[in-house]
Amino acid sequence: MRTLRRVLWSGVAAIALVGLAALPAHAQAKVKHKYYVVSGDRAVSVTRTVLIRRGYRVVRVERVGPTRVVYYRLGRGRGPLQRMVIRTVRDQVLFEDAEPSVLVDIDIHLNR
């Protein structure tokens, strides 16, 4: 009976350790931004085109130094105001706060 209990607890401990070891790897897989080697103007142009094709209305594009912030709404301007940050870092463009489905379309258009 003691050996059965010891084997059972050893199995539970091994499963718990394997589960904890997998947590950091799972968290690292969730990337919220992606780098592109294009100009900032081209990135804004492609972003605007993709958003309009997906049914969004681009409200405004603000330029803050090398960073551009694109504000947009769904439909005819009735949806909540959303934003996407396009940051230029060492000849690379970084998209932040972008919806994953929109980022996929931007990725397709930028890699043409």
PDB file of N, CA and C in Angstrom:
ATOM      1  N   MET A   1       0.813  -1.194   0.000  1.00  0.00           N
ATOM      2  CA  MET A   1       0.000   0.000   0.000  1.00  0.00           C
ATOM      3  C   MET A   1       0.863   1.267   0.000  1.00  0.00           C
ATOM      4  N   ARG A   2       1.948   1.234   0.795  1.00  0.00           N
ATOM      5  CA  ARG A   2       2.833   2.393   0.839  1.00  0.00           C
ATOM      6  C   ARG A   2       3.532   2.604  -0.496  1.00  0.00           C
ATOM      7  N   THR A   3       3.956   1.549  -1.142  1.00  0.00           N
ATOM      8  CA  THR A   3       4.639   1.698  -2.425  1.00  0.00           C
ATOM      9  C   THR A   3       3.691   2.226  -3.488  1.00  0.00           C
ATOM     10  N   LEU A   4       2.438   1.788  -3.442  1.00  0.00           N
ATOM     11  CA  LEU A   4       1.446   2.291  -4.400  1.00  0.00           C
ATOM     12  C   LEU A   4       1.228   3.788  -4.195  1.00  0.00           C
ATOM     13  N   ARG A   5       1.115   4.197  -2.933  1.00  0.00           N
ATOM     14  CA  ARG A   5       0.911   5.617  -2.627  1.00  0.00           C
ATOM     15  C   ARG A   5       2.145   6.430  -3.051  1.00  0.00           C
ATOM     16  N   ARG A   6       3.340   5.896  -2.812  1.00  0.00           N
ATOM     17  CA  ARG A   6       4.575   6.586  -3.180  1.00  0.00           C
ATOM     18  C   ARG A   6       4.684   6.736  -4.703  1.00  0.00           C
ATOM     19  N   VAL A   7       4.333   5.677  -5.446  1.00  0.00           N
ATOM     20  CA  VAL A   7       4.361   5.730  -6.907  1.00  0.00           C
ATOM     21  C   VAL A   7       3.337   6.732  -7.423  1.00  0.00           C
ATOM     22  N   LEU A   8       2.161   6.743  -6.810  1.00  0.00           N
ATOM     23  CA  LEU A   8       1.110   7.674  -7.221  1.00  0.00           C
ATOM     24  C   LEU A   8       1.552   9.124  -7.012  1.00  0.00           C
ATOM     25  N   TRP A   9       2.109   9.430  -5.836  1.00  0.00           N
ATOM     26  CA  TRP A   9       2.568  10.793  -5.563  1.00  0.00           C
ATOM     27  C   TRP A   9       3.755  11.180  -6.447  1.00  0.00           C
ATOM     28  N   SER A  10       4.610  10.231  -6.739  1.00  0.00           N
ATOM     29  CA  SER A  10       5.728  10.515  -7.653  1.00  0.00           C
ATOM     30  C   SER A  10       5.212  10.853  -9.044  1.00  0.00           C
ATOM     31  N   GLY A  11       4.203  10.140  -9.494  1.00  0.00           N
ATOM     32  CA  GLY A  11       3.596  10.427 -10.798  1.00  0.00           C
ATOM     33  C   GLY A  11       2.947  11.795 -10.837  1.00  0.00           C
ATOM     34  N   VAL A  12       2.231  12.151  -9.768  1.00  0.00           N
ATOM     35  CA  VAL A  12       1.586  13.476  -9.690  1.00  0.00           C
ATOM     36  C   VAL A  12       2.645  14.579  -9.693  1.00  0.00           C
ATOM     37  N   ALA A  13       3.716  14.372  -8.936  1.00  0.00           N
ATOM     38  CA  ALA A  13       4.788  15.368  -8.894  1.00  0.00           C
ATOM     39  C   ALA A  13       5.465  15.504 -10.252  1.00  0.00           C
ATOM     40  N   ALA A  14       5.681  14.398 -10.960  1.00  0.00           N
ATOM     41  CA  ALA A  14       6.321  14.450 -12.278  1.00  0.00           C
ATOM     42  C   ALA A  14       5.438  15.186 -13.280  1.00  0.00           C
ATOM     43  N   ILE A  15       4.141  14.925 -13.242  1.00  0.00           N
ATOM     44  CA  ILE A  15       3.219  15.618 -14.153  1.00  0.00           C
ATOM     45  C   ILE A  15       3.193  17.111 -13.846  1.00  0.00           C
ATOM     46  N   ALA A  16       3.200  17.473 -12.569  1.00  0.00           N
ATOM     47  CA  ALA A  16       3.200  18.888 -12.190  1.00  0.00           C
ATOM     48  C   ALA A  16       4.478  19.587 -12.655  1.00  0.00           C
ATOM     49  N   LEU A  17       5.622  18.921 -12.517  1.00  0.00           N
ATOM     50  CA  LEU A  17       6.878  19.522 -12.965  1.00  0.00           C
ATOM     51  C   LEU A  17       6.928  19.691 -14.473  1.00  0.00           C
ATOM     52  N   VAL A  18       6.427  18.724 -15.201  1.00  0.00           N
ATOM     53  CA  VAL A  18       6.398  18.832 -16.659  1.00  0.00           C
ATOM     54  C   VAL A  18       5.466  19.971 -17.072  1.00  0.00           C
ATOM     55  N   GLY A  19       4.331  20.100 -16.396  1.00  0.00           N
ATOM     56  CA  GLY A  19       3.394  21.177 -16.696  1.00  0.00           C
ATOM     57  C   GLY A  19       3.982  22.544 -16.422  1.00  0.00           C
ATOM     58  N   LEU A  20       4.703  22.677 -15.321  1.00  0.00           N
ATOM     59  CA  LEU A  20       5.336  23.958 -15.000  1.00  0.00           C
ATOM     60  C   LEU A  20       6.476  24.282 -15.947  1.00  0.00           C
ATOM     61  N   ALA A  21       7.190  23.280 -16.399  1.00  0.00           N
ATOM     62  CA  ALA A  21       8.295  23.514 -17.327  1.00  0.00           C
ATOM     63  C   ALA A  21       7.791  23.975 -18.686  1.00  0.00           C
ATOM     64  N   ALA A  22       6.576  23.590 -19.064  1.00  0.00           N
ATOM     65  CA  ALA A  22       6.032  23.956 -20.370  1.00  0.00           C
ATOM     66  C   ALA A  22       5.448  25.365 -20.372  1.00  0.00           C
ATOM     67  N   LEU A  23       5.163  25.941 -19.225  1.00  0.00           N
ATOM     68  CA  LEU A  23       4.548  27.267 -19.167  1.00  0.00           C
ATOM     69  C   LEU A  23       5.392  28.368 -19.798  1.00  0.00           C
ATOM     70  N   PRO A  24       6.671  28.508 -19.492  1.00  0.00           N
ATOM     71  CA  PRO A  24       7.444  29.581 -20.131  1.00  0.00           C
ATOM     72  C   PRO A  24       7.522  29.441 -21.644  1.00  0.00           C
ATOM     73  N   ALA A  25       7.631  28.245 -22.161  1.00  0.00           N
ATOM     74  CA  ALA A  25       7.691  28.046 -23.608  1.00  0.00           C
ATOM     75  C   ALA A  25       6.373  28.441 -24.255  1.00  0.00           C
ATOM     76  N   HIS A  26       5.275  28.162 -23.604  1.00  0.00           N
ATOM     77  CA  HIS A  26       3.968  28.526 -24.138  1.00  0.00           C
ATOM     78  C   HIS A  26       3.809  30.045 -24.164  1.00  0.00           C
ATOM     79  N   ALA A  27       4.282  30.727 -23.137  1.00  0.00           N
ATOM     80  CA  ALA A  27       4.151  32.175 -23.073  1.00  0.00           C
ATOM     81  C   ALA A  27       5.025  32.861 -24.114  1.00  0.00           C
ATOM     82  N   GLN A  28       6.167  32.283 -24.448  1.00  0.00           N
ATOM     83  CA  GLN A  28       7.053  32.902 -25.419  1.00  0.00           C
ATOM     84  C   GLN A  28       6.517  32.786 -26.838  1.00  0.00           C
ATOM     85  N   ALA A  29       5.600  31.876 -27.084  1.00  0.00           N
ATOM     86  CA  ALA A  29       5.071  31.691 -28.421  1.00  0.00           C
ATOM     87  C   ALA A  29       4.087  32.786 -28.811  1.00  0.00           C
ATOM     88  N   LYS A  30       3.571  33.530 -27.863  1.00  0.00           N
ATOM     89  CA  LYS A  30       2.595  34.569 -28.153  1.00  0.00           C
ATOM     90  C   LYS A  30       3.303  35.880 -28.469  1.00  0.00           C
ATOM     91  N   VAL A  31       3.582  36.126 -29.730  1.00  0.00           N
ATOM     92  CA  VAL A  31       4.245  37.344 -30.160  1.00  0.00           C
ATOM     93  C   VAL A  31       3.178  38.327 -30.604  1.00  0.00           C
ATOM     94  N   LYS A  32       3.228  39.561 -30.078  1.00  0.00           N
ATOM     95  CA  LYS A  32       2.212  40.550 -30.396  1.00  0.00           C
ATOM     96  C   LYS A  32       2.690  41.572 -31.408  1.00  0.00           C
ATOM     97  N   HIS A  33       3.905  41.444 -31.886  1.00  0.00           N
ATOM     98  CA  HIS A  33       4.421  42.378 -32.873  1.00  0.00           C
ATOM     99  C   HIS A  33       5.382  41.654 -33.800  1.00  0.00           C
ATOM    100  N   LYS A  34       5.614  42.278 -34.954  1.00  0.00           N
ATOM    101  CA  LYS A  34       6.468  41.670 -35.960  1.00  0.00           C
ATOM    102  C   LYS A  34       7.266  42.760 -36.651  1.00  0.00           C
ATOM    103  N   TYR A  35       8.515  42.446 -37.030  1.00  0.00           N
ATOM    104  CA  TYR A  35       9.387  43.407 -37.693  1.00  0.00           C
ATOM    105  C   TYR A  35       9.329  43.237 -39.211  1.00  0.00           C
ATOM    106  N   TYR A  36       9.430  44.371 -39.927  1.00  0.00           N
ATOM    107  CA  TYR A  36       9.494  44.379 -41.390  1.00  0.00           C
ATOM    108  C   TYR A  36      10.571  45.369 -41.800  1.00  0.00           C
ATOM    109  N   VAL A  37      11.277  45.069 -42.879  1.00  0.00           N
ATOM    110  CA  VAL A  37      12.282  45.985 -43.407  1.00  0.00           C
ATOM    111  C   VAL A  37      11.652  46.745 -44.572  1.00  0.00           C
ATOM    112  N   VAL A  38      10.859  47.744 -44.245  1.00  0.00           N
ATOM    113  CA  VAL A  38      10.221  48.636 -45.220  1.00  0.00           C
ATOM    114  C   VAL A  38      10.238  50.044 -44.628  1.00  0.00           C
ATOM    115  N   SER A  39       9.910  51.026 -45.442  1.00  0.00           N
ATOM    116  CA  SER A  39       9.855  52.396 -44.939  1.00  0.00           C
ATOM    117  C   SER A  39       8.568  52.594 -44.130  1.00  0.00           C
ATOM    118  N   GLY A  40       8.587  53.589 -43.279  1.00  0.00           N
ATOM    119  CA  GLY A  40       7.408  53.893 -42.470  1.00  0.00           C
ATOM    120  C   GLY A  40       6.228  54.335 -43.318  1.00  0.00           C
ATOM    121  N   ASP A  41       6.509  55.081 -44.395  1.00  0.00           N
ATOM    122  CA  ASP A  41       5.436  55.531 -45.278  1.00  0.00           C
ATOM    123  C   ASP A  41       4.761  54.355 -45.973  1.00  0.00           C
ATOM    124  N   ARG A  42       5.553  53.391 -46.414  1.00  0.00           N
ATOM    125  CA  ARG A  42       4.974  52.203 -47.062  1.00  0.00           C
ATOM    126  C   ARG A  42       4.150  51.397 -46.066  1.00  0.00           C
ATOM    127  N   ALA A  43       4.617  51.298 -44.834  1.00  0.00           N
ATOM    128  CA  ALA A  43       3.874  50.567 -43.811  1.00  0.00           C
ATOM    129  C   ALA A  43       2.526  51.223 -43.535  1.00  0.00           C
ATOM    130  N   VAL A  44       2.495  52.545 -43.459  1.00  0.00           N
ATOM    131  CA  VAL A  44       1.232  53.261 -43.229  1.00  0.00           C
ATOM    132  C   VAL A  44       0.304  53.097 -44.420  1.00  0.00           C
ATOM    133  N   SER A  45       0.852  53.183 -45.634  1.00  0.00           N
ATOM    134  CA  SER A  45       0.048  53.030 -46.836  1.00  0.00           C
ATOM    135  C   SER A  45      -0.595  51.651 -46.912  1.00  0.00           C
ATOM    136  N   VAL A  46       0.188  50.612 -46.664  1.00  0.00           N
ATOM    137  CA  VAL A  46      -0.340  49.247 -46.701  1.00  0.00           C
ATOM    138  C   VAL A  46      -1.352  49.041 -45.590  1.00  0.00           C
ATOM    139  N   THR A  47      -1.074  49.586 -44.402  1.00  0.00           N
ATOM    140  CA  THR A  47      -2.005  49.458 -43.276  1.00  0.00           C
ATOM    141  C   THR A  47      -3.333  50.116 -43.607  1.00  0.00           C
ATOM    142  N   ARG A  48      -3.277  51.303 -44.174  1.00  0.00           N
ATOM    143  CA  ARG A  48      -4.514  52.008 -44.548  1.00  0.00           C
ATOM    144  C   ARG A  48      -5.304  51.204 -45.576  1.00  0.00           C
ATOM    145  N   THR A  49      -4.625  50.662 -46.589  1.00  0.00           N
ATOM    146  CA  THR A  49      -5.286  49.866 -47.630  1.00  0.00           C
ATOM    147  C   THR A  49      -5.948  48.622 -47.043  1.00  0.00           C
ATOM    148  N   VAL A  50      -5.230  47.921 -46.180  1.00  0.00           N
ATOM    149  CA  VAL A  50      -5.764  46.694 -45.575  1.00  0.00           C
ATOM    150  C   VAL A  50      -6.970  47.002 -44.692  1.00  0.00           C
ATOM    151  N   LEU A  51      -6.877  48.055 -43.891  1.00  0.00           N
ATOM    152  CA  LEU A  51      -7.993  48.403 -43.015  1.00  0.00           C
ATOM    153  C   LEU A  51      -9.240  48.767 -43.809  1.00  0.00           C
ATOM    154  N   ILE A  52      -9.082  49.528 -44.871  1.00  0.00           N
ATOM    155  CA  ILE A  52     -10.229  49.918 -45.699  1.00  0.00           C
ATOM    156  C   ILE A  52     -10.840  48.703 -46.374  1.00  0.00           C
ATOM    157  N   ARG A  53     -10.008  47.791 -46.887  1.00  0.00           N
ATOM    158  CA  ARG A  53     -10.532  46.566 -47.514  1.00  0.00           C
ATOM    159  C   ARG A  53     -11.277  45.684 -46.529  1.00  0.00           C
ATOM    160  N   ARG A  54     -10.896  45.726 -45.259  1.00  0.00           N
ATOM    161  CA  ARG A  54     -11.547  44.902 -44.247  1.00  0.00           C
ATOM    162  C   ARG A  54     -12.788  45.579 -43.669  1.00  0.00           C
ATOM    163  N   GLY A  55     -13.131  46.765 -44.142  1.00  0.00           N
ATOM    164  CA  GLY A  55     -14.345  47.428 -43.692  1.00  0.00           C
ATOM    165  C   GLY A  55     -14.149  48.424 -42.575  1.00  0.00           C
ATOM    166  N   TYR A  56     -12.922  48.782 -42.284  1.00  0.00           N
ATOM    167  CA  TYR A  56     -12.651  49.780 -41.258  1.00  0.00           C
ATOM    168  C   TYR A  56     -12.574  51.161 -41.884  1.00  0.00           C
ATOM    169  N   ARG A  57     -12.772  52.174 -41.068  1.00  0.00           N
ATOM    170  CA  ARG A  57     -12.614  53.559 -41.507  1.00  0.00           C
ATOM    171  C   ARG A  57     -11.431  54.151 -40.761  1.00  0.00           C
ATOM    172  N   VAL A  58     -10.419  54.582 -41.483  1.00  0.00           N
ATOM    173  CA  VAL A  58      -9.236  55.188 -40.868  1.00  0.00           C
ATOM    174  C   VAL A  58      -9.608  56.610 -40.470  1.00  0.00           C
ATOM    175  N   VAL A  59      -9.543  56.893 -39.174  1.00  0.00           N
ATOM    176  CA  VAL A  59      -9.933  58.202 -38.653  1.00  0.00           C
ATOM    177  C   VAL A  59      -8.795  59.196 -38.824  1.00  0.00           C
ATOM    178  N   ARG A  60      -7.604  58.821 -38.365  1.00  0.00           N
ATOM    179  CA  ARG A  60      -6.449  59.715 -38.518  1.00  0.00           C
ATOM    180  C   ARG A  60      -5.165  58.929 -38.306  1.00  0.00           C
ATOM    181  N   VAL A  61      -4.078  59.513 -38.790  1.00  0.00           N
ATOM    182  CA  VAL A  61      -2.740  58.953 -38.594  1.00  0.00           C
ATOM    183  C   VAL A  61      -1.902  60.053 -37.969  1.00  0.00           C
ATOM    184  N   GLU A  62      -1.422  59.824 -36.755  1.00  0.00           N
ATOM    185  CA  GLU A  62      -0.589  60.801 -36.056  1.00  0.00           C
ATOM    186  C   GLU A  62       0.867  60.380 -36.158  1.00  0.00           C
ATOM    187  N   ARG A  63       1.725  61.364 -36.316  1.00  0.00           N
ATOM    188  CA  ARG A  63       3.165  61.098 -36.381  1.00  0.00           C
ATOM    189  C   ARG A  63       3.812  61.695 -35.132  1.00  0.00           C
ATOM    190  N   VAL A  64       4.469  60.833 -34.369  1.00  0.00           N
ATOM    191  CA  VAL A  64       5.165  61.263 -33.159  1.00  0.00           C
ATOM    192  C   VAL A  64       6.617  60.815 -33.304  1.00  0.00           C
ATOM    193  N   GLY A  65       7.440  61.689 -33.868  1.00  0.00           N
ATOM    194  CA  GLY A  65       8.822  61.320 -34.161  1.00  0.00           C
ATOM    195  C   GLY A  65       8.835  60.235 -35.222  1.00  0.00           C
ATOM    196  N   PRO A  66       9.575  59.140 -34.994  1.00  0.00           N
ATOM    197  CA  PRO A  66       9.589  58.047 -35.977  1.00  0.00           C
ATOM    198  C   PRO A  66       8.385  57.102 -35.842  1.00  0.00           C
ATOM    199  N   THR A  67       7.546  57.339 -34.837  1.00  0.00           N
ATOM    200  CA  THR A  67       6.400  56.466 -34.582  1.00  0.00           C
ATOM    201  C   THR A  67       5.144  57.046 -35.215  1.00  0.00           C
ATOM    202  N   ARG A  68       4.337  56.172 -35.789  1.00  0.00           N
ATOM    203  CA  ARG A  68       3.048  56.584 -36.346  1.00  0.00           C
ATOM    204  C   ARG A  68       1.945  55.809 -35.643  1.00  0.00           C
ATOM    205  N   VAL A  69       0.880  56.495 -35.296  1.00  0.00           N
ATOM    206  CA  VAL A  69      -0.261  55.867 -34.637  1.00  0.00           C
ATOM    207  C   VAL A  69      -1.454  55.995 -35.573  1.00  0.00           C
ATOM    208  N   VAL A  70      -2.041  54.850 -35.950  1.00  0.00           N
ATOM    209  CA  VAL A  70      -3.189  54.821 -36.848  1.00  0.00           C
ATOM    210  C   VAL A  70      -4.436  54.573 -36.005  1.00  0.00           C
ATOM    211  N   TYR A  71      -5.380  55.518 -36.047  1.00  0.00           N
ATOM    212  CA  TYR A  71      -6.655  55.372 -35.352  1.00  0.00           C
ATOM    213  C   TYR A  71      -7.714  54.974 -36.364  1.00  0.00           C
ATOM    214  N   TYR A  72      -8.510  53.972 -36.031  1.00  0.00           N
ATOM    215  CA  TYR A  72      -9.518  53.478 -36.973  1.00  0.00           C
ATOM    216  C   TYR A  72     -10.741  52.964 -36.224  1.00  0.00           C
ATOM    217  N   ARG A  73     -11.855  52.897 -36.956  1.00  0.00           N
ATOM    218  CA  ARG A  73     -13.125  52.393 -36.416  1.00  0.00           C
ATOM    219  C   ARG A  73     -13.709  51.377 -37.383  1.00  0.00           C
ATOM    220  N   LEU A  74     -14.563  50.523 -36.876  1.00  0.00           N
ATOM    221  CA  LEU A  74     -15.239  49.542 -37.708  1.00  0.00           C
ATOM    222  C   LEU A  74     -16.430  50.190 -38.398  1.00  0.00           C
ATOM    223  N   GLY A  75     -16.646  49.853 -39.653  1.00  0.00           N
ATOM    224  CA  GLY A  75     -17.819  50.314 -40.390  1.00  0.00           C
ATOM    225  C   GLY A  75     -17.778  51.784 -40.728  1.00  0.00           C
ATOM    226  N   ARG A  76     -18.911  52.430 -40.562  1.00  0.00           N
ATOM    227  CA  ARG A  76     -19.040  53.852 -40.915  1.00  0.00           C
ATOM    228  C   ARG A  76     -18.701  54.760 -39.743  1.00  0.00           C
ATOM    229  N   GLY A  77     -17.826  54.339 -38.898  1.00  0.00           N
ATOM    230  CA  GLY A  77     -17.413  55.174 -37.779  1.00  0.00           C
ATOM    231  C   GLY A  77     -18.259  54.976 -36.540  1.00  0.00           C
ATOM    232  N   ARG A  78     -19.022  53.903 -36.482  1.00  0.00           N
ATOM    233  CA  ARG A  78     -19.891  53.669 -35.331  1.00  0.00           C
ATOM    234  C   ARG A  78     -19.230  52.785 -34.278  1.00  0.00           C
ATOM    235  N   GLY A  79     -18.198  52.078 -34.655  1.00  0.00           N
ATOM    236  CA  GLY A  79     -17.532  51.178 -33.720  1.00  0.00           C
ATOM    237  C   GLY A  79     -16.610  51.918 -32.773  1.00  0.00           C
ATOM    238  N   PRO A  80     -16.062  51.205 -31.814  1.00  0.00           N
ATOM    239  CA  PRO A  80     -15.132  51.851 -30.875  1.00  0.00           C
ATOM    240  C   PRO A  80     -13.830  52.238 -31.579  1.00  0.00           C
ATOM    241  N   LEU A  81     -13.236  53.315 -31.116  1.00  0.00           N
ATOM    242  CA  LEU A  81     -11.980  53.787 -31.685  1.00  0.00           C
ATOM    243  C   LEU A  81     -10.861  52.827 -31.281  1.00  0.00           C
ATOM    244  N   GLN A  82     -10.136  52.327 -32.270  1.00  0.00           N
ATOM    245  CA  GLN A  82      -9.030  51.423 -32.028  1.00  0.00           C
ATOM    246  C   GLN A  82      -7.765  52.075 -32.563  1.00  0.00           C
ATOM    247  N   ARG A  83      -6.614  51.580 -32.110  1.00  0.00           N
ATOM    248  CA  ARG A  83      -5.365  52.162 -32.585  1.00  0.00           C
ATOM    249  C   ARG A  83      -4.349  51.070 -32.858  1.00  0.00           C
ATOM    250  N   MET A  84      -3.431  51.405 -33.765  1.00  0.00           N
ATOM    251  CA  MET A  84      -2.319  50.532 -34.118  1.00  0.00           C
ATOM    252  C   MET A  84      -1.076  51.406 -34.149  1.00  0.00           C
ATOM    253  N   VAL A  85      -0.021  50.953 -33.513  1.00  0.00           N
ATOM    254  CA  VAL A  85       1.226  51.715 -33.440  1.00  0.00           C
ATOM    255  C   VAL A  85       2.211  51.114 -34.435  1.00  0.00           C
ATOM    256  N   ILE A  86       2.771  51.977 -35.287  1.00  0.00           N
ATOM    257  CA  ILE A  86       3.791  51.569 -36.251  1.00  0.00           C
ATOM    258  C   ILE A  86       5.073  52.290 -35.862  1.00  0.00           C
ATOM    259  N   ARG A  87       6.014  51.544 -35.313  1.00  0.00           N
ATOM    260  CA  ARG A  87       7.242  52.119 -34.771  1.00  0.00           C
ATOM    261  C   ARG A  87       8.427  51.778 -35.680  1.00  0.00           C
ATOM    262  N   THR A  88       9.273  52.771 -35.963  1.00  0.00           N
ATOM    263  CA  THR A  88      10.465  52.549 -36.774  1.00  0.00           C
ATOM    264  C   THR A  88      11.670  52.400 -35.847  1.00  0.00           C
ATOM    265  N   VAL A  89      12.358  51.260 -35.979  1.00  0.00           N
ATOM    266  CA  VAL A  89      13.520  50.962 -35.138  1.00  0.00           C
ATOM    267  C   VAL A  89      14.637  50.455 -36.045  1.00  0.00           C
ATOM    268  N   ARG A  90      15.687  51.255 -36.225  1.00  0.00           N
ATOM    269  CA  ARG A  90      16.863  50.851 -37.006  1.00  0.00           C
ATOM    270  C   ARG A  90      16.514  50.261 -38.363  1.00  0.00           C
ATOM    271  N   ASP A  91      15.918  51.015 -39.218  1.00  0.00           N
ATOM    272  CA  ASP A  91      15.546  50.598 -40.581  1.00  0.00           C
ATOM    273  C   ASP A  91      14.533  49.456 -40.602  1.00  0.00           C
ATOM    274  N   GLN A  92      13.875  49.203 -39.513  1.00  0.00           N
ATOM    275  CA  GLN A  92      12.838  48.180 -39.461  1.00  0.00           C
ATOM    276  C   GLN A  92      11.558  48.809 -38.925  1.00  0.00           C
ATOM    277  N   VAL A  93      10.433  48.266 -39.368  1.00  0.00           N
ATOM    278  CA  VAL A  93       9.137  48.748 -38.917  1.00  0.00           C
ATOM    279  C   VAL A  93       8.537  47.686 -38.012  1.00  0.00           C
ATOM    280  N   LEU A  94       8.006  48.126 -36.877  1.00  0.00           N
ATOM    281  CA  LEU A  94       7.428  47.241 -35.881  1.00  0.00           C
ATOM    282  C   LEU A  94       5.966  47.607 -35.686  1.00  0.00           C
ATOM    283  N   PHE A  95       5.073  46.639 -35.818  1.00  0.00           N
ATOM    284  CA  PHE A  95       3.643  46.859 -35.604  1.00  0.00           C
ATOM    285  C   PHE A  95       3.298  46.435 -34.187  1.00  0.00           C
ATOM    286  N   GLU A  96       2.647  47.320 -33.434  1.00  0.00           N
ATOM    287  CA  GLU A  96       2.219  47.013 -32.074  1.00  0.00           C
ATOM    288  C   GLU A  96       0.727  47.260 -31.948  1.00  0.00           C
ATOM    289  N   ASP A  97       0.097  46.590 -31.021  1.00  0.00           N
ATOM    290  CA  ASP A  97      -1.336  46.717 -30.737  1.00  0.00           C
ATOM    291  C   ASP A  97      -2.178  46.446 -31.970  1.00  0.00           C
ATOM    292  N   ALA A  98      -1.725  45.546 -32.819  1.00  0.00           N
ATOM    293  CA  ALA A  98      -2.464  45.224 -34.044  1.00  0.00           C
ATOM    294  C   ALA A  98      -3.288  43.966 -33.835  1.00  0.00           C
ATOM    295  N   GLU A  99      -4.474  43.965 -34.390  1.00  0.00           N
ATOM    296  CA  GLU A  99      -5.317  42.779 -34.367  1.00  0.00           C
ATOM    297  C   GLU A  99      -4.621  41.684 -35.170  1.00  0.00           C
ATOM    298  N   PRO A 100      -4.582  40.455 -34.677  1.00  0.00           N
ATOM    299  CA  PRO A 100      -3.840  39.404 -35.388  1.00  0.00           C
ATOM    300  C   PRO A 100      -4.322  39.169 -36.820  1.00  0.00           C
ATOM    301  N   SER A 101      -5.619  39.212 -37.058  1.00  0.00           N
ATOM    302  CA  SER A 101      -6.118  38.965 -38.410  1.00  0.00           C
ATOM    303  C   SER A 101      -5.722  40.100 -39.356  1.00  0.00           C
ATOM    304  N   VAL A 102      -5.715  41.328 -38.866  1.00  0.00           N
ATOM    305  CA  VAL A 102      -5.289  42.469 -39.679  1.00  0.00           C
ATOM    306  C   VAL A 102      -3.792  42.373 -39.945  1.00  0.00           C
ATOM    307  N   LEU A 103      -3.035  41.956 -38.944  1.00  0.00           N
ATOM    308  CA  LEU A 103      -1.590  41.833 -39.100  1.00  0.00           C
ATOM    309  C   LEU A 103      -1.224  40.772 -40.136  1.00  0.00           C
ATOM    310  N   VAL A 104      -2.032  39.728 -40.248  1.00  0.00           N
ATOM    311  CA  VAL A 104      -1.785  38.707 -41.272  1.00  0.00           C
ATOM    312  C   VAL A 104      -1.945  39.315 -42.663  1.00  0.00           C
ATOM    313  N   ASP A 105      -2.996  40.098 -42.872  1.00  0.00           N
ATOM    314  CA  ASP A 105      -3.195  40.744 -44.175  1.00  0.00           C
ATOM    315  C   ASP A 105      -2.082  41.753 -44.474  1.00  0.00           C
ATOM    316  N   ILE A 106      -1.655  42.498 -43.465  1.00  0.00           N
ATOM    317  CA  ILE A 106      -0.554  43.452 -43.656  1.00  0.00           C
ATOM    318  C   ILE A 106       0.715  42.689 -44.035  1.00  0.00           C
ATOM    319  N   ASP A 107       0.948  41.569 -43.377  1.00  0.00           N
ATOM    320  CA  ASP A 107       2.121  40.746 -43.661  1.00  0.00           C
ATOM    321  C   ASP A 107       2.107  40.270 -45.120  1.00  0.00           C
ATOM    322  N   ILE A 108       0.958  39.847 -45.600  1.00  0.00           N
ATOM    323  CA  ILE A 108       0.840  39.381 -46.985  1.00  0.00           C
ATOM    324  C   ILE A 108       1.154  40.511 -47.960  1.00  0.00           C
ATOM    325  N   HIS A 109       0.624  41.709 -47.699  1.00  0.00           N
ATOM    326  CA  HIS A 109       0.832  42.829 -48.605  1.00  0.00           C
ATOM    327  C   HIS A 109       2.265  43.374 -48.555  1.00  0.00           C
ATOM    328  N   LEU A 110       2.891  43.339 -47.382  1.00  0.00           N
ATOM    329  CA  LEU A 110       4.256  43.848 -47.285  1.00  0.00           C
ATOM    330  C   LEU A 110       5.279  42.901 -47.870  1.00  0.00           C
ATOM    331  N   ASN A 111       4.991  41.616 -47.920  1.00  0.00           N
ATOM    332  CA  ASN A 111       5.948  40.634 -48.453  1.00  0.00           C
ATOM    333  C   ASN A 111       5.788  40.387 -49.931  1.00  0.00           C
ATOM    334  N   ARG A 112       4.980  41.164 -50.615  1.00  0.00           N
ATOM    335  CA  ARG A 112       4.812  41.008 -52.066  1.00  0.00           C
ATOM    336  C   ARG A 112       6.009  41.528 -52.808  1.00  0.00           C
TER     337      ARG A 112
END
